[in-house]
PDB file of N, CA and C in Angstrom:
ATOM      1  N   MET A   1      -7.595  17.483   9.879  1.00  0.00           N
ATOM      2  CA  MET A   1      -6.605  16.618   9.247  1.00  0.00           C
ATOM      3  C   MET A   1      -5.505  17.486   8.648  1.00  0.00           C
ATOM      4  N   SER A   2      -4.296  17.026   8.779  1.00  0.00           N
ATOM      5  CA  SER A   2      -3.153  17.750   8.242  1.00  0.00           C
ATOM      6  C   SER A   2      -3.272  17.869   6.726  1.00  0.00           C
ATOM      7  N   ALA A   3      -2.855  19.005   6.199  1.00  0.00           N
ATOM      8  CA  ALA A   3      -2.931  19.228   4.761  1.00  0.00           C
ATOM      9  C   ALA A   3      -2.008  18.296   3.994  1.00  0.00           C
ATOM     10  N   ASN A   4      -0.983  17.760   4.651  1.00  0.00           N
ATOM     11  CA  ASN A   4      -0.031  16.927   3.926  1.00  0.00           C
ATOM     12  C   ASN A   4      -0.142  15.446   4.267  1.00  0.00           C
ATOM     13  N   ARG A   5      -1.204  15.050   4.960  1.00  0.00           N
ATOM     14  CA  ARG A   5      -1.346  13.644   5.294  1.00  0.00           C
ATOM     15  C   ARG A   5      -2.815  13.227   5.219  1.00  0.00           C
ATOM     16  N   ARG A   6      -3.050  12.120   4.503  1.00  0.00           N
ATOM     17  CA  ARG A   6      -4.410  11.603   4.365  1.00  0.00           C
ATOM     18  C   ARG A   6      -4.628  10.442   5.327  1.00  0.00           C
ATOM     19  N   ARG A   7      -5.882  10.182   5.626  1.00  0.00           N
ATOM     20  CA  ARG A   7      -6.252   9.008   6.420  1.00  0.00           C
ATOM     21  C   ARG A   7      -6.073   7.777   5.537  1.00  0.00           C
ATOM     22  N   VAL A   8      -5.627   6.654   6.114  1.00  0.00           N
ATOM     23  CA  VAL A   8      -5.476   5.409   5.369  1.00  0.00           C
ATOM     24  C   VAL A   8      -6.603   4.460   5.770  1.00  0.00           C
ATOM     25  N   ALA A   9      -7.365   4.011   4.776  1.00  0.00           N
ATOM     26  CA  ALA A   9      -8.421   3.019   4.971  1.00  0.00           C
ATOM     27  C   ALA A   9      -8.025   1.771   4.187  1.00  0.00           C
ATOM     28  N   LYS A  10      -8.597   0.629   4.571  1.00  0.00           N
ATOM     29  CA  LYS A  10      -8.266  -0.627   3.883  1.00  0.00           C
ATOM     30  C   LYS A  10      -9.541  -1.400   3.581  1.00  0.00           C
ATOM     31  N   SER A  11      -9.574  -2.018   2.404  1.00  0.00           N
ATOM     32  CA  SER A  11     -10.680  -2.924   2.118  1.00  0.00           C
ATOM     33  C   SER A  11     -10.550  -4.107   3.082  1.00  0.00           C
ATOM     34  N   PRO A  12     -11.645  -4.805   3.372  1.00  0.00           N
ATOM     35  CA  PRO A  12     -11.550  -5.949   4.286  1.00  0.00           C
ATOM     36  C   PRO A  12     -10.526  -7.001   3.840  1.00  0.00           C
ATOM     37  N   GLN A  13     -10.495  -7.297   2.534  1.00  0.00           N
ATOM     38  CA  GLN A  13      -9.537  -8.296   2.048  1.00  0.00           C
ATOM     39  C   GLN A  13      -8.103  -7.803   2.199  1.00  0.00           C
ATOM     40  N   CYS A  14      -7.864  -6.544   1.886  1.00  0.00           N
ATOM     41  CA  CYS A  14      -6.519  -5.989   2.020  1.00  0.00           C
ATOM     42  C   CYS A  14      -6.085  -6.008   3.485  1.00  0.00           C
ATOM     43  N   GLU A  15      -6.983  -5.681   4.384  1.00  0.00           N
ATOM     44  CA  GLU A  15      -6.682  -5.717   5.827  1.00  0.00           C
ATOM     45  C   GLU A  15      -6.251  -7.119   6.240  1.00  0.00           C
ATOM     46  N   ARG A  16      -6.995  -8.132   5.811  1.00  0.00           N
ATOM     47  CA  ARG A  16      -6.645  -9.523   6.146  1.00  0.00           C
ATOM     48  C   ARG A  16      -5.293  -9.908   5.549  1.00  0.00           C
ATOM     49  N   ASP A  17      -5.064  -9.522   4.292  1.00  0.00           N
ATOM     50  CA  ASP A  17      -3.801  -9.868   3.636  1.00  0.00           C
ATOM     51  C   ASP A  17      -2.613  -9.201   4.324  1.00  0.00           C
ATOM     52  N   LEU A  18      -2.749  -7.939   4.688  1.00  0.00           N
ATOM     53  CA  LEU A  18      -1.652  -7.236   5.367  1.00  0.00           C
ATOM     54  C   LEU A  18      -1.392  -7.823   6.749  1.00  0.00           C
ATOM     55  N   GLN A  19      -2.451  -8.216   7.456  1.00  0.00           N
ATOM     56  CA  GLN A  19      -2.262  -8.858   8.763  1.00  0.00           C
ATOM     57  C   GLN A  19      -1.517 -10.184   8.611  1.00  0.00           C
ATOM     58  N   ALA A  20      -1.841 -10.941   7.578  1.00  0.00           N
ATOM     59  CA  ALA A  20      -1.156 -12.213   7.340  1.00  0.00           C
ATOM     60  C   ALA A  20       0.317 -11.986   6.989  1.00  0.00           C
ATOM     61  N   ILE A  21       0.603 -10.983   6.178  1.00  0.00           N
ATOM     62  CA  ILE A  21       1.992 -10.662   5.831  1.00  0.00           C
ATOM     63  C   ILE A  21       2.754 -10.262   7.083  1.00  0.00           C
ATOM     64  N   ALA A  22       2.150  -9.416   7.902  1.00  0.00           N
ATOM     65  CA  ALA A  22       2.806  -8.959   9.129  1.00  0.00           C
ATOM     66  C   ALA A  22       3.085 -10.129  10.071  1.00  0.00           C
ATOM     67  N   ALA A  23       2.145 -11.052  10.176  1.00  0.00           N
ATOM     68  CA  ALA A  23       2.317 -12.203  11.068  1.00  0.00           C
ATOM     69  C   ALA A  23       3.402 -13.150  10.564  1.00  0.00           C
ATOM     70  N   ARG A  24       3.464 -13.371   9.283  1.00  0.00           N
ATOM     71  CA  ARG A  24       4.449 -14.302   8.713  1.00  0.00           C
ATOM     72  C   ARG A  24       5.852 -13.725   8.705  1.00  0.00           C
ATOM     73  N   HIS A  25       5.954 -12.474   8.416  1.00  0.00           N
ATOM     74  CA  HIS A  25       7.274 -11.886   8.166  1.00  0.00           C
ATOM     75  C   HIS A  25       7.689 -10.843   9.195  1.00  0.00           C
ATOM     76  N   ARG A  26       6.906 -10.689  10.249  1.00  0.00           N
ATOM     77  CA  ARG A  26       7.178  -9.633  11.231  1.00  0.00           C
ATOM     78  C   ARG A  26       7.424  -8.309  10.509  1.00  0.00           C
ATOM     79  N   ALA A  27       6.497  -7.979   9.649  1.00  0.00           N
ATOM     80  CA  ALA A  27       6.662  -6.848   8.733  1.00  0.00           C
ATOM     81  C   ALA A  27       5.871  -5.620   9.143  1.00  0.00           C
ATOM     82  N   GLU A  28       5.488  -5.521  10.406  1.00  0.00           N
ATOM     83  CA  GLU A  28       4.690  -4.378  10.847  1.00  0.00           C
ATOM     84  C   GLU A  28       5.364  -3.055  10.506  1.00  0.00           C
ATOM     85  N   GLU A  29       6.672  -2.982  10.692  1.00  0.00           N
ATOM     86  CA  GLU A  29       7.397  -1.738  10.425  1.00  0.00           C
ATOM     87  C   GLU A  29       7.369  -1.383   8.936  1.00  0.00           C
ATOM     88  N   ALA A  30       7.539  -2.376   8.072  1.00  0.00           N
ATOM     89  CA  ALA A  30       7.506  -2.120   6.627  1.00  0.00           C
ATOM     90  C   ALA A  30       6.122  -1.653   6.194  1.00  0.00           C
ATOM     91  N   ILE A  31       5.085  -2.271   6.741  1.00  0.00           N
ATOM     92  CA  ILE A  31       3.718  -1.883   6.391  1.00  0.00           C
ATOM     93  C   ILE A  31       3.424  -0.475   6.907  1.00  0.00           C
ATOM     94  N   ALA A  32       3.829  -0.179   8.136  1.00  0.00           N
ATOM     95  CA  ALA A  32       3.613   1.168   8.690  1.00  0.00           C
ATOM     96  C   ALA A  32       4.358   2.215   7.864  1.00  0.00           C
ATOM     97  N   GLY A  33       5.565   1.905   7.435  1.00  0.00           N
ATOM     98  CA  GLY A  33       6.327   2.830   6.595  1.00  0.00           C
ATOM     99  C   GLY A  33       5.644   3.065   5.263  1.00  0.00           C
ATOM    100  N   PHE A  34       5.128   1.994   4.658  1.00  0.00           N
ATOM    101  CA  PHE A  34       4.387   2.131   3.409  1.00  0.00           C
ATOM    102  C   PHE A  34       3.190   3.063   3.605  1.00  0.00           C
ATOM    103  N   GLU A  35       2.440   2.844   4.682  1.00  0.00           N
ATOM    104  CA  GLU A  35       1.258   3.666   4.941  1.00  0.00           C
ATOM    105  C   GLU A  35       1.631   5.129   5.173  1.00  0.00           C
ATOM    106  N   ARG A  36       2.733   5.395   5.870  1.00  0.00           N
ATOM    107  CA  ARG A  36       3.170   6.782   6.076  1.00  0.00           C
ATOM    108  C   ARG A  36       3.472   7.464   4.746  1.00  0.00           C
ATOM    109  N   VAL A  37       4.198   6.763   3.887  1.00  0.00           N
ATOM    110  CA  VAL A  37       4.570   7.352   2.589  1.00  0.00           C
ATOM    111  C   VAL A  37       3.333   7.591   1.727  1.00  0.00           C
ATOM    112  N   VAL A  38       2.499   6.590   1.596  1.00  0.00           N
ATOM    113  CA  VAL A  38       1.343   6.717   0.696  1.00  0.00           C
ATOM    114  C   VAL A  38       0.326   7.725   1.251  1.00  0.00           C
ATOM    115  N   SER A  39       0.277   7.916   2.556  1.00  0.00           N
ATOM    116  CA  SER A  39      -0.646   8.911   3.107  1.00  0.00           C
ATOM    117  C   SER A  39      -0.182  10.333   2.805  1.00  0.00           C
ATOM    118  N   ARG A  40       1.103  10.504   2.597  1.00  0.00           N
ATOM    119  CA  ARG A  40       1.647  11.838   2.323  1.00  0.00           C
ATOM    120  C   ARG A  40       1.770  12.141   0.829  1.00  0.00           C
ATOM    121  N   ILE A  41       2.170  11.140   0.042  1.00  0.00           N
ATOM    122  CA  ILE A  41       2.399  11.387  -1.386  1.00  0.00           C
ATOM    123  C   ILE A  41       1.851  10.237  -2.251  1.00  0.00           C
ATOM    124  N   PRO A  42       0.539  10.034  -2.234  1.00  0.00           N
ATOM    125  CA  PRO A  42      -0.025   8.935  -3.028  1.00  0.00           C
ATOM    126  C   PRO A  42       0.176   9.122  -4.523  1.00  0.00           C
ATOM    127  N   GLU A  43       0.387  10.356  -4.949  1.00  0.00           N
ATOM    128  CA  GLU A  43       0.581  10.636  -6.372  1.00  0.00           C
ATOM    129  C   GLU A  43       1.842   9.981  -6.925  1.00  0.00           C
ATOM    130  N   MET A  44       2.760   9.589  -6.068  1.00  0.00           N
ATOM    131  CA  MET A  44       4.011   8.986  -6.526  1.00  0.00           C
ATOM    132  C   MET A  44       3.864   7.526  -6.922  1.00  0.00           C
ATOM    133  N   GLY A  45       2.688   6.952  -6.691  1.00  0.00           N
ATOM    134  CA  GLY A  45       2.452   5.591  -7.150  1.00  0.00           C
ATOM    135  C   GLY A  45       2.344   5.553  -8.665  1.00  0.00           C
ATOM    136  N   MET A  46       2.407   4.358  -9.202  1.00  0.00           N
ATOM    137  CA  MET A  46       2.275   4.187 -10.650  1.00  0.00           C
ATOM    138  C   MET A  46       0.807   3.953 -10.993  1.00  0.00           C
ATOM    139  N   ALA A  47       0.312   4.647 -12.012  1.00  0.00           N
ATOM    140  CA  ALA A  47      -1.067   4.456 -12.455  1.00  0.00           C
ATOM    141  C   ALA A  47      -1.249   3.014 -12.930  1.00  0.00           C
ATOM    142  N   VAL A  48      -2.358   2.415 -12.546  1.00  0.00           N
ATOM    143  CA  VAL A  48      -2.675   1.053 -12.980  1.00  0.00           C
ATOM    144  C   VAL A  48      -3.326   1.130 -14.351  1.00  0.00           C
ATOM    145  N   ARG A  49      -2.711   0.498 -15.315  1.00  0.00           N
ATOM    146  CA  ARG A  49      -3.203   0.526 -16.691  1.00  0.00           C
ATOM    147  C   ARG A  49      -4.626  -0.031 -16.770  1.00  0.00           C
ATOM    148  N   GLY A  50      -5.506   0.724 -17.404  1.00  0.00           N
ATOM    149  CA  GLY A  50      -6.879   0.276 -17.606  1.00  0.00           C
ATOM    150  C   GLY A  50      -7.790   0.493 -16.407  1.00  0.00           C
ATOM    151  N   LYS A  51      -7.276   1.087 -15.328  1.00  0.00           N
ATOM    152  CA  LYS A  51      -8.073   1.321 -14.118  1.00  0.00           C
ATOM    153  C   LYS A  51      -7.902   2.770 -13.691  1.00  0.00           C
ATOM    154  N   GLN A  52      -8.664   3.647 -14.273  1.00  0.00           N
ATOM    155  CA  GLN A  52      -8.534   5.071 -13.964  1.00  0.00           C
ATOM    156  C   GLN A  52      -8.739   5.309 -12.468  1.00  0.00           C
ATOM    157  N   GLY A  53      -7.841   6.084 -11.876  1.00  0.00           N
ATOM    158  CA  GLY A  53      -7.939   6.425 -10.467  1.00  0.00           C
ATOM    159  C   GLY A  53      -7.306   5.413  -9.528  1.00  0.00           C
ATOM    160  N   PHE A  54      -6.719   4.331 -10.070  1.00  0.00           N
ATOM    161  CA  PHE A  54      -6.050   3.328  -9.248  1.00  0.00           C
ATOM    162  C   PHE A  54      -4.544   3.441  -9.450  1.00  0.00           C
ATOM    163  N   TYR A  55      -3.826   3.274  -8.362  1.00  0.00           N
ATOM    164  CA  TYR A  55      -2.372   3.395  -8.374  1.00  0.00           C
ATOM    165  C   TYR A  55      -1.765   2.190  -7.680  1.00  0.00           C
ATOM    166  N   SER A  56      -0.481   1.947  -7.952  1.00  0.00           N
ATOM    167  CA  SER A  56       0.221   0.850  -7.288  1.00  0.00           C
ATOM    168  C   SER A  56       1.561   1.348  -6.770  1.00  0.00           C
ATOM    169  N   ARG A  57       1.991   0.708  -5.704  1.00  0.00           N
ATOM    170  CA  ARG A  57       3.279   1.049  -5.102  1.00  0.00           C
ATOM    171  C   ARG A  57       3.769  -0.187  -4.350  1.00  0.00           C
ATOM    172  N   PRO A  58       5.050  -0.526  -4.484  1.00  0.00           N
ATOM    173  CA  PRO A  58       5.571  -1.701  -3.782  1.00  0.00           C
ATOM    174  C   PRO A  58       6.033  -1.355  -2.363  1.00  0.00           C
ATOM    175  N   PHE A  59       6.140  -2.404  -1.553  1.00  0.00           N
ATOM    176  CA  PHE A  59       6.879  -2.318  -0.299  1.00  0.00           C
ATOM    177  C   PHE A  59       7.590  -3.644  -0.110  1.00  0.00           C
ATOM    178  N   HIS A  60       8.623  -3.625   0.708  1.00  0.00           N
ATOM    179  CA  HIS A  60       9.486  -4.793   0.848  1.00  0.00           C
ATOM    180  C   HIS A  60       9.637  -5.160   2.316  1.00  0.00           C
ATOM    181  N   THR A  61       9.682  -6.452   2.579  1.00  0.00           N
ATOM    182  CA  THR A  61       9.985  -6.959   3.913  1.00  0.00           C
ATOM    183  C   THR A  61      11.294  -7.737   3.806  1.00  0.00           C
ATOM    184  N   GLY A  62      11.748  -8.238   4.908  1.00  0.00           N
ATOM    185  CA  GLY A  62      12.963  -9.042   4.878  1.00  0.00           C
ATOM    186  C   GLY A  62      12.805 -10.327   4.085  1.00  0.00           C
ATOM    187  N   ASP A  63      11.549 -10.770   3.906  1.00  0.00           N
ATOM    188  CA  ASP A  63      11.293 -12.048   3.249  1.00  0.00           C
ATOM    189  C   ASP A  63      10.573 -11.955   1.918  1.00  0.00           C
ATOM    190  N   GLY A  64      10.250 -10.752   1.458  1.00  0.00           N
ATOM    191  CA  GLY A  64       9.531 -10.675   0.195  1.00  0.00           C
ATOM    192  C   GLY A  64       9.165  -9.253  -0.181  1.00  0.00           C
ATOM    193  N   SER A  65       8.580  -9.138  -1.355  1.00  0.00           N
ATOM    194  CA  SER A  65       8.132  -7.854  -1.887  1.00  0.00           C
ATOM    195  C   SER A  65       6.654  -7.962  -2.228  1.00  0.00           C
ATOM    196  N   TYR A  66       5.957  -6.833  -2.089  1.00  0.00           N
ATOM    197  CA  TYR A  66       4.516  -6.811  -2.276  1.00  0.00           C
ATOM    198  C   TYR A  66       4.122  -5.564  -3.043  1.00  0.00           C
ATOM    199  N   LEU A  67       3.029  -5.680  -3.790  1.00  0.00           N
ATOM    200  CA  LEU A  67       2.498  -4.557  -4.550  1.00  0.00           C
ATOM    201  C   LEU A  67       1.108  -4.256  -4.018  1.00  0.00           C
ATOM    202  N   VAL A  68       0.887  -3.013  -3.628  1.00  0.00           N
ATOM    203  CA  VAL A  68      -0.411  -2.580  -3.116  1.00  0.00           C
ATOM    204  C   VAL A  68      -1.091  -1.729  -4.181  1.00  0.00           C
ATOM    205  N   ILE A  69      -2.364  -2.016  -4.415  1.00  0.00           N
ATOM    206  CA  ILE A  69      -3.201  -1.228  -5.310  1.00  0.00           C
ATOM    207  C   ILE A  69      -4.077  -0.338  -4.422  1.00  0.00           C
ATOM    208  N   TYR A  70      -4.184   0.950  -4.774  1.00  0.00           N
ATOM    209  CA  TYR A  70      -4.944   1.871  -3.939  1.00  0.00           C
ATOM    210  C   TYR A  70      -5.575   2.977  -4.771  1.00  0.00           C
ATOM    211  N   THR A  71      -6.505   3.667  -4.158  1.00  0.00           N
ATOM    212  CA  THR A  71      -7.117   4.869  -4.711  1.00  0.00           C
ATOM    213  C   THR A  71      -6.957   5.968  -3.670  1.00  0.00           C
ATOM    214  N   PHE A  72      -7.181   7.202  -4.068  1.00  0.00           N
ATOM    215  CA  PHE A  72      -7.113   8.279  -3.083  1.00  0.00           C
ATOM    216  C   PHE A  72      -7.913   9.489  -3.527  1.00  0.00           C
ATOM    217  N   ASP A  73      -8.274  10.289  -2.527  1.00  0.00           N
ATOM    218  CA  ASP A  73      -8.870  11.596  -2.766  1.00  0.00           C
ATOM    219  C   ASP A  73      -8.183  12.578  -1.821  1.00  0.00           C
ATOM    220  N   GLU A  74      -8.761  13.742  -1.626  1.00  0.00           N
ATOM    221  CA  GLU A  74      -8.116  14.779  -0.813  1.00  0.00           C
ATOM    222  C   GLU A  74      -7.949  14.377   0.652  1.00  0.00           C
ATOM    223  N   GLU A  75      -8.796  13.467   1.157  1.00  0.00           N
ATOM    224  CA  GLU A  75      -8.772  13.128   2.568  1.00  0.00           C
ATOM    225  C   GLU A  75      -8.322  11.714   2.880  1.00  0.00           C
ATOM    226  N   THR A  76      -8.514  10.773   1.946  1.00  0.00           N
ATOM    227  CA  THR A  76      -8.324   9.358   2.263  1.00  0.00           C
ATOM    228  C   THR A  76      -7.576   8.626   1.158  1.00  0.00           C
ATOM    229  N   VAL A  77      -6.687   7.734   1.587  1.00  0.00           N
ATOM    230  CA  VAL A  77      -6.078   6.747   0.700  1.00  0.00           C
ATOM    231  C   VAL A  77      -6.721   5.416   1.063  1.00  0.00           C
ATOM    232  N   THR A  78      -7.283   4.717   0.090  1.00  0.00           N
ATOM    233  CA  THR A  78      -7.911   3.423   0.343  1.00  0.00           C
ATOM    234  C   THR A  78      -7.075   2.324  -0.290  1.00  0.00           C
ATOM    235  N   LEU A  79      -6.521   1.453   0.549  1.00  0.00           N
ATOM    236  CA  LEU A  79      -5.749   0.312   0.073  1.00  0.00           C
ATOM    237  C   LEU A  79      -6.743  -0.758  -0.342  1.00  0.00           C
ATOM    238  N   VAL A  80      -6.701  -1.151  -1.608  1.00  0.00           N
ATOM    239  CA  VAL A  80      -7.700  -2.043  -2.177  1.00  0.00           C
ATOM    240  C   VAL A  80      -7.240  -3.487  -2.159  1.00  0.00           C
ATOM    241  N   SER A  81      -5.998  -3.733  -2.580  1.00  0.00           N
ATOM    242  CA  SER A  81      -5.497  -5.107  -2.621  1.00  0.00           C
ATOM    243  C   SER A  81      -3.979  -5.111  -2.496  1.00  0.00           C
ATOM    244  N   VAL A  82      -3.455  -6.279  -2.146  1.00  0.00           N
ATOM    245  CA  VAL A  82      -2.009  -6.461  -2.033  1.00  0.00           C
ATOM    246  C   VAL A  82      -1.680  -7.847  -2.568  1.00  0.00           C
ATOM    247  N   ARG A  83      -0.550  -7.936  -3.264  1.00  0.00           N
ATOM    248  CA  ARG A  83      -0.138  -9.245  -3.768  1.00  0.00           C
ATOM    249  C   ARG A  83       1.375  -9.344  -3.717  1.00  0.00           C
ATOM    250  N   SER A  84       1.833 -10.551  -3.639  1.00  0.00           N
ATOM    251  CA  SER A  84       3.260 -10.827  -3.634  1.00  0.00           C
ATOM    252  C   SER A  84       3.812 -10.655  -5.041  1.00  0.00           C
ATOM    253  N   ILE A  85       5.009 -10.082  -5.119  1.00  0.00           N
ATOM    254  CA  ILE A  85       5.692  -9.917  -6.411  1.00  0.00           C
ATOM    255  C   ILE A  85       7.127 -10.404  -6.252  1.00  0.00           C
ATOM    256  N   PRO A  86       7.773 -10.772  -7.337  1.00  0.00           N
ATOM    257  CA  PRO A  86       9.166 -11.192  -7.233  1.00  0.00           C
ATOM    258  C   PRO A  86      10.042 -10.065  -6.691  1.00  0.00           C
ATOM    259  N   SER A  87      10.875 -10.376  -5.734  1.00  0.00           N
ATOM    260  CA  SER A  87      11.769  -9.351  -5.157  1.00  0.00           C
ATOM    261  C   SER A  87      12.751  -8.832  -6.176  1.00  0.00           C
ATOM    262  N   SER A  88      13.085  -9.617  -7.153  1.00  0.00           N
ATOM    263  CA  SER A  88      14.056  -9.182  -8.163  1.00  0.00           C
ATOM    264  C   SER A  88      13.485  -8.107  -9.078  1.00  0.00           C
ATOM    265  N   SER A  89      12.157  -7.831  -8.966  1.00  0.00           N
ATOM    266  CA  SER A  89      11.540  -6.803  -9.798  1.00  0.00           C
ATOM    267  C   SER A  89      12.011  -5.412  -9.415  1.00  0.00           C
ATOM    268  N   PHE A  90      12.560  -5.263  -8.198  1.00  0.00           N
ATOM    269  CA  PHE A  90      12.926  -3.931  -7.712  1.00  0.00           C
ATOM    270  C   PHE A  90      14.339  -3.910  -7.242  1.00  0.00           C
TER     271      PHE A  90
END
């Protein structure tokens, strides 16, 4: 595995949610871009208050904005959950 890129894994619920977002909004490119960024620099996410080791980072599609919660170690970034957020937040 490359020293600057981690494997991306997804919880079953997160996988289903991302597939639904991609199907509704044709957002495959936005999701792939999010995964590329988070696999290289997961430290740039914001720490989730009260959840040690959990981080959040948004991504945007043409029709909405989403916040992904994830964890990571030296080899893997695990996407735990995703939720819709107001686009005006960013």
